[in-house]
């Protein structure tokens, strides 16, 4: 059975995943828990279902790979870099590299971030599940989650969670209705 490729990230209400200067400090709730759902997003529990992380070079440069020392990490980069320990640098087709590695485990693959990286996976319609956190802020500008030129991908809403003003939507790919 093919492992799932899962995208999980937060975006502003107007669709940005980072500010224009790549800051993420706006990713916080509003402090109001009156609409909290009974079930919350449990990131540590989610990580137990993952053994492979895919991230862009900017996330790597920020040191975000250090949080996943026990996982295999693929880093999309335009530089020619040597693999080291659990780090695998891919300067070619990152989606192809991840899919070719897809049969080596029964745990899932987590697409961590980077607008360009996410775009590659969306353009190839390779993401099976989406966990999108909508943060109660309008940034006005920044790095968009969706960069355009992607196929239509029909999704099925599976779950809605909310915590302190952040709404997390879990979607799965609706294979019966995808349009190319």
Protein backbone atom coordinates (compact mmCIF):
# COMPACT_ATOMS: atom_id res chain seq x y z
CA UNK A 1 0.00 0.00 0.00
CA UNK A 2 1.27 3.45 -0.92
CA UNK A 3 2.04 5.75 1.97
CA UNK A 4 0.10 8.97 2.22
CA UNK A 5 1.72 12.28 1.39
CA UNK A 6 0.33 14.79 3.87
CA UNK A 7 0.54 18.58 3.79
CA UNK A 8 0.16 20.33 7.13
CA UNK A 9 0.67 24.03 7.58
CA UNK A 10 -0.86 27.25 8.79
CA UNK A 11 -1.97 30.15 6.65
CA UNK A 12 -3.42 33.57 7.26
CA UNK A 13 -7.06 34.17 6.43
CA UNK A 14 -5.90 35.76 3.17
CA UNK A 15 -3.86 32.69 2.17
CA UNK A 16 -0.25 33.48 3.15
CA UNK A 17 2.09 30.98 4.84
CA UNK A 18 4.76 33.55 5.79
CA UNK A 19 5.32 37.27 5.68
CA UNK A 20 7.31 38.81 2.82
CA UNK A 21 10.42 38.60 5.04
CA UNK A 22 9.71 34.91 5.87
CA UNK A 23 8.48 35.48 9.43
CA UNK A 24 6.09 33.10 11.17
CA UNK A 25 5.56 34.90 14.49
CA UNK A 26 1.97 35.73 13.51
CA UNK A 27 0.98 32.05 13.80
CA UNK A 28 -0.86 32.31 17.11
CA UNK A 29 -4.46 32.06 18.17
CA UNK A 30 -6.56 34.96 19.40
CA UNK A 31 -6.73 33.65 22.98
CA UNK A 32 -10.50 33.06 22.87
CA UNK A 33 -11.32 29.43 23.60
CA UNK A 34 -15.15 29.74 23.60
CA UNK A 35 -15.39 27.99 20.20
CA UNK A 36 -12.75 25.33 20.87
CA UNK A 37 -13.69 21.90 19.51
CA UNK A 38 -13.64 18.82 21.71
CA UNK A 39 -10.81 17.39 19.64
CA UNK A 40 -7.67 19.49 19.11
CA UNK A 41 -4.88 19.15 16.57
CA UNK A 42 -2.29 16.96 18.26
CA UNK A 43 0.97 17.60 16.42
CA UNK A 44 3.10 15.18 18.51
CA UNK A 45 0.56 12.40 17.84
CA UNK A 46 0.56 13.28 14.13
CA UNK A 47 4.38 13.07 14.02
CA UNK A 48 4.23 9.48 15.30
CA UNK A 49 2.52 8.52 12.02
CA UNK A 50 5.30 10.14 9.97
CA UNK A 51 8.84 8.94 9.24
CA UNK A 52 9.70 11.19 6.30
CA UNK A 53 9.71 14.99 6.19
CA UNK A 54 9.99 17.02 2.98
CA UNK A 55 11.00 20.67 3.24
CA UNK A 56 12.32 23.48 1.13
CA UNK A 57 15.83 24.85 1.42
CA UNK A 58 14.66 27.97 3.26
CA UNK A 59 13.11 25.84 6.02
CA UNK A 60 16.39 23.93 6.17
CA UNK A 61 18.40 27.18 6.34
CA UNK A 62 16.21 28.26 9.28
CA UNK A 63 17.25 25.06 11.10
CA UNK A 64 13.78 23.53 11.08
CA UNK A 65 15.22 20.12 10.24
CA UNK A 66 16.68 19.94 13.77
CA UNK A 67 13.20 19.28 15.16
CA UNK A 68 13.03 16.02 13.20
CA UNK A 69 16.31 14.24 13.98
CA UNK A 70 14.54 10.86 14.15
CA UNK A 71 12.98 11.24 10.67
CA UNK A 72 14.28 10.90 7.12
CA UNK A 73 14.37 14.42 5.68
CA UNK A 74 14.31 15.37 2.01
CA UNK A 75 15.37 18.95 1.30
CA UNK A 76 14.53 20.53 -2.05
CA UNK A 77 17.47 22.70 -3.07
CA UNK A 78 19.07 24.19 -6.15
CA UNK A 79 22.52 23.64 -4.61
CA UNK A 80 24.59 20.50 -5.03
CA UNK A 81 24.93 19.28 -1.43
CA UNK A 82 26.12 15.99 0.05
CA UNK A 83 23.65 13.85 1.97
CA UNK A 84 24.46 13.57 5.66
CA UNK A 85 22.93 11.32 8.31
CA UNK A 86 19.13 11.60 7.91
CA UNK A 87 19.34 14.55 5.46
CA UNK A 88 18.88 13.97 1.73
CA UNK A 89 19.39 16.99 -0.55
CA UNK A 90 17.45 16.84 -3.81
CA UNK A 91 18.37 19.31 -6.54
CA UNK A 92 16.17 17.65 -9.14
CA UNK A 93 12.54 16.59 -9.12
CA UNK A 94 11.68 16.46 -5.41
CA UNK A 95 8.24 14.93 -6.01
CA UNK A 96 9.74 12.08 -8.04
CA UNK A 97 12.42 11.46 -5.38
CA UNK A 98 9.82 11.29 -2.62
CA UNK A 99 7.48 9.04 -4.58
CA UNK A 100 10.35 6.68 -5.47
CA UNK A 101 11.11 6.43 -1.74
CA UNK A 102 7.43 5.84 -1.03
CA UNK A 103 7.55 2.05 -0.67
CA UNK A 104 10.21 1.80 2.05
CA UNK A 105 7.95 2.20 5.09
CA UNK A 106 4.40 1.93 6.36
CA UNK A 107 4.48 5.43 7.89
CA UNK A 108 3.42 8.57 6.05
CA UNK A 109 5.29 11.46 4.44
CA UNK A 110 4.91 15.01 5.76
CA UNK A 111 5.32 17.96 3.38
CA UNK A 112 6.55 20.55 5.86
CA UNK A 113 6.81 23.75 3.96
CA UNK A 114 8.01 26.22 1.51
CA UNK A 115 5.65 27.81 -1.02
CA UNK A 116 7.61 26.52 -4.02
CA UNK A 117 7.90 23.05 -2.55
CA UNK A 118 4.17 22.87 -1.85
CA UNK A 119 3.48 24.10 -5.38
CA UNK A 120 5.49 21.19 -6.86
CA UNK A 121 3.40 18.66 -4.92
CA UNK A 122 0.13 20.42 -5.80
CA UNK A 123 1.06 20.68 -9.48
CA UNK A 124 1.62 16.92 -9.60
CA UNK A 125 -1.55 16.28 -7.56
CA UNK A 126 0.54 14.15 -5.17
CA UNK A 127 -0.85 15.27 -1.81
CA UNK A 128 -3.32 12.80 -0.28
CA UNK A 129 -4.32 14.69 2.87
CA UNK A 130 -4.33 18.36 3.79
CA UNK A 131 -4.31 19.77 7.32
CA UNK A 132 -4.72 23.51 6.88
CA UNK A 133 -4.73 25.74 9.93
CA UNK A 134 -6.39 29.10 9.30
CA UNK A 135 -4.91 31.68 11.66
CA UNK A 136 -7.06 34.66 12.67
CA UNK A 137 -4.96 37.32 10.95
CA UNK A 138 -4.99 39.08 7.59
CA UNK A 139 -1.42 39.76 6.49
CA UNK A 140 -2.20 41.70 3.32
CA UNK A 141 0.91 40.35 1.61
CA UNK A 142 3.40 37.56 2.00
CA UNK A 143 4.28 34.17 0.59
CA UNK A 144 1.10 32.57 -0.74
CA UNK A 145 0.17 28.96 -0.10
CA UNK A 146 -1.30 28.57 -3.57
CA UNK A 147 0.87 29.91 -6.38
CA UNK A 148 -1.41 29.15 -9.32
CA UNK A 149 -0.95 26.89 -12.35
CA UNK A 150 -2.10 23.80 -10.47
CA UNK A 151 -4.70 21.30 -11.61
CA UNK A 152 -8.13 21.31 -10.04
CA UNK A 153 -8.02 18.93 -7.09
CA UNK A 154 -11.36 18.07 -5.51
CA UNK A 155 -11.19 17.48 -1.78
CA UNK A 156 -13.40 15.92 0.84
CA UNK A 157 -13.70 17.68 4.23
CA UNK A 158 -13.12 15.05 6.92
CA UNK A 159 -12.72 17.05 10.11
CA UNK A 160 -12.93 20.54 11.57
CA UNK A 161 -11.03 21.43 14.73
CA UNK A 162 -10.69 24.79 16.43
CA UNK A 163 -8.48 26.04 19.21
CA UNK A 164 -8.08 29.63 20.37
CA UNK A 165 -9.40 31.08 17.14
CA UNK A 166 -7.35 28.86 14.83
CA UNK A 167 -9.49 26.60 12.65
CA UNK A 168 -7.87 23.41 11.36
CA UNK A 169 -9.47 21.75 8.37
CA UNK A 170 -8.59 18.18 7.42
CA UNK A 171 -9.24 17.33 3.78
CA UNK A 172 -8.55 14.19 1.84
CA UNK A 173 -8.24 13.92 -1.89
CA UNK A 174 -11.57 12.93 -3.39
CA UNK A 175 -10.24 10.51 -5.99
CA UNK A 176 -13.61 9.95 -7.65
CA UNK A 177 -14.02 13.61 -8.57
CA UNK A 178 -10.52 14.85 -9.48
CA UNK A 179 -10.30 16.89 -12.65
CA UNK A 180 -7.10 17.14 -14.67
